[in-house]
Amino acid sequence: MTPRNVFRALAVTEAITWACLLAGMFVKYVVGTTEVGVQVAGPVHGVAFIAYCLVTVVVGVDQQWSRGRLLLGLASSVPPLMTVWFDRHVEKRGGLDDHWHSRHDSDTAAQRAVCWLLRHHRQAIVGFVVAVAALTGIALVVGPPVG
């Protein structure tokens, strides 16, 4: 479980779910036959989007990305398929390693928090699932991003 592998897995997952949602939207709005694709792919993409954003923050903190790079990583989740581009972009510039940098004596509280997450895998996974579920619930209450 390296930062590169975790980040890449979520970047690709987010892009695939975006593509599925776009296909569902095509069938719903262009072909006009069914909206099942949107009904299924929409929530799946929403979960993948939230998971990608959370992982981006954790990996960005650990890999000591600048605020600009971190914001670009988060913004890349909005246009379709851009998370894969960002993954390649940041790796080409040396921003994704095969080892975690955060230590218990790191300079920032955020890096020490990431270190805690890495040392407590089970609690981190449960917390991640709870955070994704809670944020997904909030998104469902707020409603879809477009009318």
N, C-alpha and C. Protein backbone atom coordinates (compact mmCIF):
# COMPACT_ATOMS: atom_id res chain seq x y z
N MET A 1 0.85 -1.17 0.00
CA MET A 1 0.00 0.00 0.00
C MET A 1 0.90 1.24 0.00
N THR A 2 1.25 1.68 -1.16
CA THR A 2 2.09 2.86 -1.29
C THR A 2 1.23 4.07 -1.63
N PRO A 3 1.73 5.28 -1.38
CA PRO A 3 0.93 6.45 -1.76
C PRO A 3 0.60 6.46 -3.25
N ARG A 4 1.56 6.04 -4.07
CA ARG A 4 1.35 6.00 -5.52
C ARG A 4 0.21 5.05 -5.86
N ASN A 5 0.22 3.84 -5.29
CA ASN A 5 -0.81 2.84 -5.60
C ASN A 5 -2.19 3.26 -5.11
N VAL A 6 -2.25 3.80 -3.90
CA VAL A 6 -3.53 4.23 -3.34
C VAL A 6 -4.11 5.37 -4.18
N PHE A 7 -3.27 6.35 -4.47
CA PHE A 7 -3.75 7.50 -5.23
C PHE A 7 -4.17 7.07 -6.64
N ARG A 8 -3.36 6.27 -7.29
CA ARG A 8 -3.68 5.84 -8.66
C ARG A 8 -4.98 5.04 -8.69
N ALA A 9 -5.18 4.17 -7.73
CA ALA A 9 -6.40 3.36 -7.71
C ALA A 9 -7.64 4.25 -7.62
N LEU A 10 -7.58 5.26 -6.76
CA LEU A 10 -8.74 6.15 -6.62
C LEU A 10 -8.89 7.07 -7.83
N ALA A 11 -7.78 7.52 -8.41
CA ALA A 11 -7.85 8.38 -9.60
C ALA A 11 -8.50 7.62 -10.76
N VAL A 12 -8.12 6.39 -10.95
CA VAL A 12 -8.68 5.58 -12.04
C VAL A 12 -10.14 5.24 -11.75
N THR A 13 -10.44 4.88 -10.50
CA THR A 13 -11.82 4.57 -10.14
C THR A 13 -12.73 5.77 -10.38
N GLU A 14 -12.27 6.96 -9.97
CA GLU A 14 -13.08 8.16 -10.17
C GLU A 14 -13.31 8.41 -11.66
N ALA A 15 -12.28 8.21 -12.47
CA ALA A 15 -12.42 8.42 -13.92
C ALA A 15 -13.38 7.39 -14.55
N ILE A 16 -13.27 6.16 -14.14
CA ILE A 16 -14.16 5.11 -14.68
C ILE A 16 -15.60 5.39 -14.32
N THR A 17 -15.84 5.77 -13.08
CA THR A 17 -17.23 6.06 -12.68
C THR A 17 -17.77 7.29 -13.39
N TRP A 18 -16.89 8.26 -13.69
CA TRP A 18 -17.30 9.44 -14.48
C TRP A 18 -17.74 8.98 -15.87
N ALA A 19 -16.93 8.10 -16.48
CA ALA A 19 -17.26 7.61 -17.82
C ALA A 19 -18.59 6.86 -17.81
N CYS A 20 -18.81 6.06 -16.78
CA CYS A 20 -20.09 5.35 -16.67
C CYS A 20 -21.26 6.31 -16.52
N LEU A 21 -21.06 7.35 -15.72
CA LEU A 21 -22.12 8.35 -15.55
C LEU A 21 -22.39 9.08 -16.87
N LEU A 22 -21.33 9.42 -17.60
CA LEU A 22 -21.51 10.07 -18.90
C LEU A 22 -22.27 9.16 -19.87
N ALA A 23 -21.95 7.88 -19.86
CA ALA A 23 -22.66 6.93 -20.72
C ALA A 23 -24.14 6.87 -20.32
N GLY A 24 -24.40 6.83 -19.01
CA GLY A 24 -25.79 6.83 -18.54
C GLY A 24 -26.53 8.09 -18.94
N MET A 25 -25.83 9.23 -18.88
CA MET A 25 -26.45 10.50 -19.29
C MET A 25 -26.72 10.51 -20.79
N PHE A 26 -25.84 9.93 -21.57
CA PHE A 26 -26.05 9.86 -23.01
C PHE A 26 -27.32 9.06 -23.31
N VAL A 27 -27.43 7.90 -22.66
CA VAL A 27 -28.61 7.06 -22.89
C VAL A 27 -29.88 7.77 -22.42
N LYS A 28 -29.81 8.46 -21.31
CA LYS A 28 -30.99 9.14 -20.78
C LYS A 28 -31.40 10.33 -21.62
N TYR A 29 -30.44 11.20 -21.94
CA TYR A 29 -30.78 12.48 -22.58
C TYR A 29 -30.72 12.48 -24.10
N VAL A 30 -29.86 11.65 -24.69
CA VAL A 30 -29.73 11.64 -26.15
C VAL A 30 -30.58 10.53 -26.75
N VAL A 31 -30.37 9.32 -26.27
CA VAL A 31 -31.14 8.20 -26.79
C VAL A 31 -32.57 8.25 -26.25
N GLY A 32 -32.69 8.66 -24.99
CA GLY A 32 -34.01 8.83 -24.38
C GLY A 32 -34.72 7.54 -24.04
N THR A 33 -33.99 6.48 -23.80
CA THR A 33 -34.65 5.21 -23.54
C THR A 33 -34.83 4.90 -22.06
N THR A 34 -33.81 5.17 -21.25
CA THR A 34 -33.89 4.83 -19.83
C THR A 34 -32.96 5.73 -19.03
N GLU A 35 -33.29 5.85 -17.76
CA GLU A 35 -32.41 6.62 -16.89
C GLU A 35 -31.73 5.74 -15.83
N VAL A 36 -31.80 4.43 -16.04
CA VAL A 36 -31.19 3.49 -15.09
C VAL A 36 -29.68 3.74 -14.97
N GLY A 37 -29.02 4.03 -16.07
CA GLY A 37 -27.58 4.28 -16.03
C GLY A 37 -27.22 5.42 -15.12
N VAL A 38 -28.01 6.49 -15.16
CA VAL A 38 -27.77 7.65 -14.29
C VAL A 38 -28.12 7.29 -12.85
N GLN A 39 -29.19 6.55 -12.66
CA GLN A 39 -29.61 6.17 -11.32
C GLN A 39 -28.58 5.29 -10.62
N VAL A 40 -27.88 4.46 -11.40
CA VAL A 40 -26.86 3.58 -10.82
C VAL A 40 -25.50 4.27 -10.77
N ALA A 41 -25.08 4.81 -11.90
CA ALA A 41 -23.73 5.39 -11.97
C ALA A 41 -23.61 6.69 -11.19
N GLY A 42 -24.68 7.44 -11.04
CA GLY A 42 -24.63 8.70 -10.30
C GLY A 42 -24.17 8.52 -8.87
N PRO A 43 -24.85 7.69 -8.08
CA PRO A 43 -24.41 7.48 -6.71
C PRO A 43 -23.03 6.80 -6.60
N VAL A 44 -22.75 5.88 -7.49
CA VAL A 44 -21.43 5.22 -7.47
C VAL A 44 -20.33 6.24 -7.74
N HIS A 45 -20.58 7.11 -8.71
CA HIS A 45 -19.59 8.15 -8.99
C HIS A 45 -19.47 9.12 -7.82
N GLY A 46 -20.58 9.44 -7.18
CA GLY A 46 -20.53 10.33 -6.03
C GLY A 46 -19.64 9.78 -4.92
N VAL A 47 -19.76 8.50 -4.64
CA VAL A 47 -18.92 7.86 -3.62
C VAL A 47 -17.46 7.87 -4.07
N ALA A 48 -17.21 7.55 -5.34
CA ALA A 48 -15.83 7.55 -5.85
C ALA A 48 -15.23 8.95 -5.80
N PHE A 49 -16.02 9.95 -6.13
CA PHE A 49 -15.58 11.35 -6.09
C PHE A 49 -15.15 11.74 -4.68
N ILE A 50 -15.98 11.43 -3.70
CA ILE A 50 -15.66 11.77 -2.31
C ILE A 50 -14.44 11.01 -1.84
N ALA A 51 -14.36 9.72 -2.16
CA ALA A 51 -13.20 8.92 -1.76
C ALA A 51 -11.92 9.47 -2.40
N TYR A 52 -11.98 9.84 -3.67
CA TYR A 52 -10.81 10.42 -4.35
C TYR A 52 -10.37 11.70 -3.65
N CYS A 53 -11.32 12.56 -3.32
CA CYS A 53 -10.96 13.83 -2.67
C CYS A 53 -10.30 13.59 -1.31
N LEU A 54 -10.83 12.66 -0.52
CA LEU A 54 -10.22 12.36 0.77
C LEU A 54 -8.81 11.80 0.61
N VAL A 55 -8.65 10.87 -0.32
CA VAL A 55 -7.32 10.29 -0.56
C VAL A 55 -6.35 11.34 -1.09
N THR A 56 -6.84 12.24 -1.93
CA THR A 56 -5.99 13.31 -2.45
C THR A 56 -5.43 14.16 -1.31
N VAL A 57 -6.27 14.49 -0.35
CA VAL A 57 -5.81 15.29 0.79
C VAL A 57 -4.76 14.52 1.59
N VAL A 58 -5.03 13.25 1.90
CA VAL A 58 -4.08 12.46 2.70
C VAL A 58 -2.76 12.29 1.97
N VAL A 59 -2.81 11.91 0.70
CA VAL A 59 -1.57 11.72 -0.06
C VAL A 59 -0.87 13.06 -0.27
N GLY A 60 -1.61 14.09 -0.55
CA GLY A 60 -1.01 15.41 -0.74
C GLY A 60 -0.28 15.90 0.50
N VAL A 61 -0.88 15.69 1.66
CA VAL A 61 -0.21 16.07 2.92
C VAL A 61 1.05 15.23 3.10
N ASP A 62 0.92 13.92 2.90
CA ASP A 62 2.06 13.05 3.10
C ASP A 62 3.20 13.35 2.14
N GLN A 63 2.87 13.58 0.89
CA GLN A 63 3.90 13.79 -0.14
C GLN A 63 4.36 15.24 -0.20
N GLN A 64 3.84 16.05 0.72
CA GLN A 64 4.23 17.45 0.87
C GLN A 64 3.99 18.27 -0.41
N TRP A 65 2.80 18.07 -0.98
CA TRP A 65 2.42 18.85 -2.15
C TRP A 65 2.20 20.30 -1.72
N SER A 66 2.46 21.19 -2.63
CA SER A 66 2.13 22.59 -2.38
C SER A 66 0.61 22.74 -2.34
N ARG A 67 0.14 23.86 -1.79
CA ARG A 67 -1.31 24.11 -1.78
C ARG A 67 -1.86 24.12 -3.19
N GLY A 68 -1.10 24.71 -4.12
CA GLY A 68 -1.55 24.76 -5.51
C GLY A 68 -1.70 23.38 -6.12
N ARG A 69 -0.73 22.51 -5.86
CA ARG A 69 -0.81 21.13 -6.40
C ARG A 69 -1.97 20.40 -5.76
N LEU A 70 -2.18 20.58 -4.47
CA LEU A 70 -3.28 19.92 -3.78
C LEU A 70 -4.62 20.41 -4.34
N LEU A 71 -4.75 21.70 -4.53
CA LEU A 71 -5.99 22.25 -5.10
C LEU A 71 -6.20 21.76 -6.53
N LEU A 72 -5.12 21.66 -7.31
CA LEU A 72 -5.24 21.13 -8.66
C LEU A 72 -5.70 19.68 -8.63
N GLY A 73 -5.17 18.92 -7.69
CA GLY A 73 -5.60 17.52 -7.54
C GLY A 73 -7.07 17.42 -7.21
N LEU A 74 -7.54 18.27 -6.31
CA LEU A 74 -8.96 18.26 -5.97
C LEU A 74 -9.81 18.75 -7.14
N ALA A 75 -9.37 19.81 -7.81
CA ALA A 75 -10.11 20.35 -8.95
C ALA A 75 -10.17 19.36 -10.12
N SER A 76 -9.18 18.49 -10.22
CA SER A 76 -9.17 17.53 -11.33
C SER A 76 -10.29 16.51 -11.22
N SER A 77 -10.95 16.45 -10.07
CA SER A 77 -12.07 15.51 -9.93
C SER A 77 -13.35 16.04 -10.56
N VAL A 78 -13.37 17.30 -10.95
CA VAL A 78 -14.59 17.89 -11.51
C VAL A 78 -14.74 17.60 -13.01
N PRO A 79 -13.75 17.94 -13.85
CA PRO A 79 -13.91 17.60 -15.28
C PRO A 79 -13.74 16.08 -15.49
N PRO A 80 -14.51 15.53 -16.39
CA PRO A 80 -14.41 14.09 -16.63
C PRO A 80 -13.00 13.64 -16.99
N LEU A 81 -12.57 12.58 -16.36
CA LEU A 81 -11.33 11.85 -16.65
C LEU A 81 -10.04 12.60 -16.30
N MET A 82 -10.14 13.76 -15.69
CA MET A 82 -8.95 14.56 -15.38
C MET A 82 -8.14 13.99 -14.22
N THR A 83 -8.71 13.13 -13.41
CA THR A 83 -7.94 12.56 -12.30
C THR A 83 -6.80 11.70 -12.82
N VAL A 84 -7.03 11.03 -13.94
CA VAL A 84 -5.95 10.22 -14.54
C VAL A 84 -4.85 11.14 -15.07
N TRP A 85 -5.25 12.24 -15.71
CA TRP A 85 -4.25 13.21 -16.16
C TRP A 85 -3.45 13.74 -14.97
N PHE A 86 -4.13 14.10 -13.88
CA PHE A 86 -3.43 14.65 -12.73
C PHE A 86 -2.48 13.62 -12.13
N ASP A 87 -2.89 12.38 -12.05
CA ASP A 87 -2.02 11.31 -11.54
C ASP A 87 -0.72 11.26 -12.35
N ARG A 88 -0.83 11.27 -13.66
CA ARG A 88 0.37 11.24 -14.51
C ARG A 88 1.18 12.53 -14.37
N HIS A 89 0.49 13.64 -14.30
CA HIS A 89 1.14 14.95 -14.17
C HIS A 89 1.99 15.01 -12.90
N VAL A 90 1.40 14.63 -11.78
CA VAL A 90 2.11 14.74 -10.50
C VAL A 90 3.24 13.71 -10.40
N GLU A 91 3.05 12.54 -10.99
CA GLU A 91 4.13 11.54 -10.96
C GLU A 91 5.32 11.98 -11.81
N LYS A 92 5.07 12.55 -12.97
CA LYS A 92 6.16 13.03 -13.83
C LYS A 92 6.99 14.10 -13.14
N ARG A 93 6.38 14.82 -12.23
CA ARG A 93 7.08 15.91 -11.53
C ARG A 93 7.59 15.49 -10.16
N GLY A 94 7.64 14.18 -9.91
CA GLY A 94 8.20 13.67 -8.67
C GLY A 94 7.33 13.83 -7.45
N GLY A 95 6.03 13.94 -7.64
CA GLY A 95 5.14 14.18 -6.51
C GLY A 95 4.48 12.95 -5.93
N LEU A 96 4.80 11.76 -6.46
CA LEU A 96 4.24 10.52 -5.92
C LEU A 96 5.37 9.50 -5.73
N ASP A 97 5.61 9.16 -4.49
CA ASP A 97 6.66 8.19 -4.17
C ASP A 97 6.05 6.83 -3.87
N ASP A 98 6.93 5.86 -3.75
CA ASP A 98 6.52 4.52 -3.35
C ASP A 98 6.61 4.33 -1.83
N HIS A 99 6.91 5.37 -1.11
CA HIS A 99 6.94 5.25 0.35
C HIS A 99 6.28 6.49 0.97
N TRP A 100 5.76 6.27 2.18
CA TRP A 100 5.09 7.33 2.92
C TRP A 100 6.13 8.17 3.62
N HIS A 101 5.94 9.48 3.63
CA HIS A 101 6.89 10.42 4.24
C HIS A 101 6.52 10.80 5.67
N SER A 102 5.26 10.71 6.03
CA SER A 102 4.80 11.18 7.34
C SER A 102 5.37 10.32 8.45
N ARG A 103 5.86 10.98 9.50
CA ARG A 103 6.43 10.32 10.67
C ARG A 103 5.82 10.92 11.93
N HIS A 104 5.97 10.21 13.02
CA HIS A 104 5.41 10.71 14.28
C HIS A 104 6.06 12.02 14.73
N ASP A 105 7.26 12.30 14.22
CA ASP A 105 7.95 13.54 14.58
C ASP A 105 8.01 14.53 13.40
N SER A 106 7.06 14.39 12.46
CA SER A 106 7.01 15.31 11.31
C SER A 106 6.77 16.73 11.77
N ASP A 107 7.11 17.68 10.91
CA ASP A 107 7.00 19.10 11.25
C ASP A 107 5.57 19.58 11.44
N THR A 108 4.65 19.05 10.68
CA THR A 108 3.28 19.57 10.74
C THR A 108 2.34 18.59 11.43
N ALA A 109 1.30 19.15 12.03
CA ALA A 109 0.28 18.32 12.68
C ALA A 109 -0.43 17.45 11.64
N ALA A 110 -0.62 17.98 10.43
CA ALA A 110 -1.29 17.20 9.38
C ALA A 110 -0.47 15.96 9.03
N GLN A 111 0.84 16.09 8.93
CA GLN A 111 1.68 14.93 8.62
C GLN A 111 1.69 13.95 9.79
N ARG A 112 1.68 14.44 11.01
CA ARG A 112 1.62 13.54 12.17
C ARG A 112 0.29 12.80 12.18
N ALA A 113 -0.79 13.47 11.75
CA ALA A 113 -2.10 12.80 11.66
C ALA A 113 -2.07 11.70 10.60
N VAL A 114 -1.45 11.98 9.47
CA VAL A 114 -1.32 10.95 8.43
C VAL A 114 -0.50 9.78 8.96
N CYS A 115 0.56 10.06 9.69
CA CYS A 115 1.36 9.01 10.29
C CYS A 115 0.50 8.14 11.20
N TRP A 116 -0.34 8.77 12.02
CA TRP A 116 -1.24 8.03 12.90
C TRP A 116 -2.15 7.11 12.07
N LEU A 117 -2.71 7.64 10.99
CA LEU A 117 -3.58 6.84 10.13
C LEU A 117 -2.84 5.63 9.57
N LEU A 118 -1.60 5.84 9.16
CA LEU A 118 -0.82 4.75 8.58
C LEU A 118 -0.46 3.69 9.62
N ARG A 119 -0.28 4.11 10.86
CA ARG A 119 0.08 3.17 11.92
C ARG A 119 -1.14 2.45 12.48
N HIS A 120 -2.31 2.98 12.25
CA HIS A 120 -3.55 2.39 12.77
C HIS A 120 -4.47 2.07 11.60
N HIS A 121 -4.10 1.07 10.82
CA HIS A 121 -4.80 0.75 9.58
C HIS A 121 -6.30 0.51 9.77
N ARG A 122 -6.63 -0.31 10.75
CA ARG A 122 -8.05 -0.66 10.92
C ARG A 122 -8.90 0.57 11.24
N GLN A 123 -8.42 1.37 12.18
CA GLN A 123 -9.17 2.57 12.55
C GLN A 123 -9.23 3.54 11.37
N ALA A 124 -8.15 3.62 10.60
CA ALA A 124 -8.13 4.51 9.44
C ALA A 124 -9.15 4.07 8.39
N ILE A 125 -9.22 2.78 8.15
CA ILE A 125 -10.17 2.28 7.15
C ILE A 125 -11.61 2.51 7.61
N VAL A 126 -11.88 2.23 8.89
CA VAL A 126 -13.22 2.48 9.42
C VAL A 126 -13.54 3.97 9.34
N GLY A 127 -12.60 4.81 9.73
CA GLY A 127 -12.81 6.26 9.65
C GLY A 127 -13.03 6.73 8.23
N PHE A 128 -12.29 6.16 7.28
CA PHE A 128 -12.44 6.51 5.87
C PHE A 128 -13.84 6.14 5.39
N VAL A 129 -14.28 4.93 5.70
CA VAL A 129 -15.62 4.49 5.28
C VAL A 129 -16.70 5.36 5.91
N VAL A 130 -16.54 5.67 7.20
CA VAL A 130 -17.52 6.52 7.89
C VAL A 130 -17.53 7.92 7.26
N ALA A 131 -16.35 8.46 6.97
CA ALA A 131 -16.27 9.80 6.37
C ALA A 131 -16.93 9.83 4.99
N VAL A 132 -16.64 8.81 4.18
CA VAL A 132 -17.24 8.75 2.84
C VAL A 132 -18.76 8.61 2.96
N ALA A 133 -19.22 7.76 3.87
CA ALA A 133 -20.66 7.58 4.05
C ALA A 133 -21.32 8.87 4.55
N ALA A 134 -20.70 9.54 5.51
CA ALA A 134 -21.27 10.77 6.05
C ALA A 134 -21.32 11.86 4.98
N LEU A 135 -20.23 12.02 4.25
CA LEU A 135 -20.21 13.04 3.19
C LEU A 135 -21.18 12.71 2.07
N THR A 136 -21.33 11.43 1.76
CA THR A 136 -22.30 11.01 0.76
C THR A 136 -23.72 11.31 1.25
N GLY A 137 -23.97 11.05 2.52
CA GLY A 137 -25.28 11.36 3.09
C GLY A 137 -25.59 12.85 3.02
N ILE A 138 -24.60 13.66 3.35
CA ILE A 138 -24.79 15.12 3.25
C ILE A 138 -25.08 15.53 1.80
N ALA A 139 -24.33 14.94 0.87
CA ALA A 139 -24.55 15.26 -0.55
C ALA A 139 -25.95 14.85 -1.00
N LEU A 140 -26.45 13.72 -0.50
CA LEU A 140 -27.80 13.30 -0.86
C LEU A 140 -28.86 14.24 -0.29
N VAL A 141 -28.62 14.75 0.89
CA VAL A 141 -29.57 15.70 1.49
C VAL A 141 -29.57 17.02 0.72
N VAL A 142 -28.36 17.49 0.35
CA VAL A 142 -28.23 18.75 -0.39
C VAL A 142 -28.86 18.63 -1.77
N GLY A 143 -28.68 17.46 -2.39
CA GLY A 143 -29.26 17.23 -3.71
C GLY A 143 -28.21 17.16 -4.79
N PRO A 144 -28.61 16.82 -6.00
CA PRO A 144 -27.67 16.67 -7.10
C PRO A 144 -27.01 17.99 -7.45
N PRO A 145 -25.80 17.93 -8.03
CA PRO A 145 -25.08 19.16 -8.35
C PRO A 145 -25.76 20.01 -9.42
N VAL A 146 -26.61 19.41 -10.24
CA VAL A 146 -27.30 20.15 -11.30
C VAL A 146 -28.78 19.86 -11.19
N GLY A 147 -29.59 20.94 -11.29
CA GLY A 147 -31.03 20.93 -11.23
C GLY A 147 -31.70 19.63 -11.22
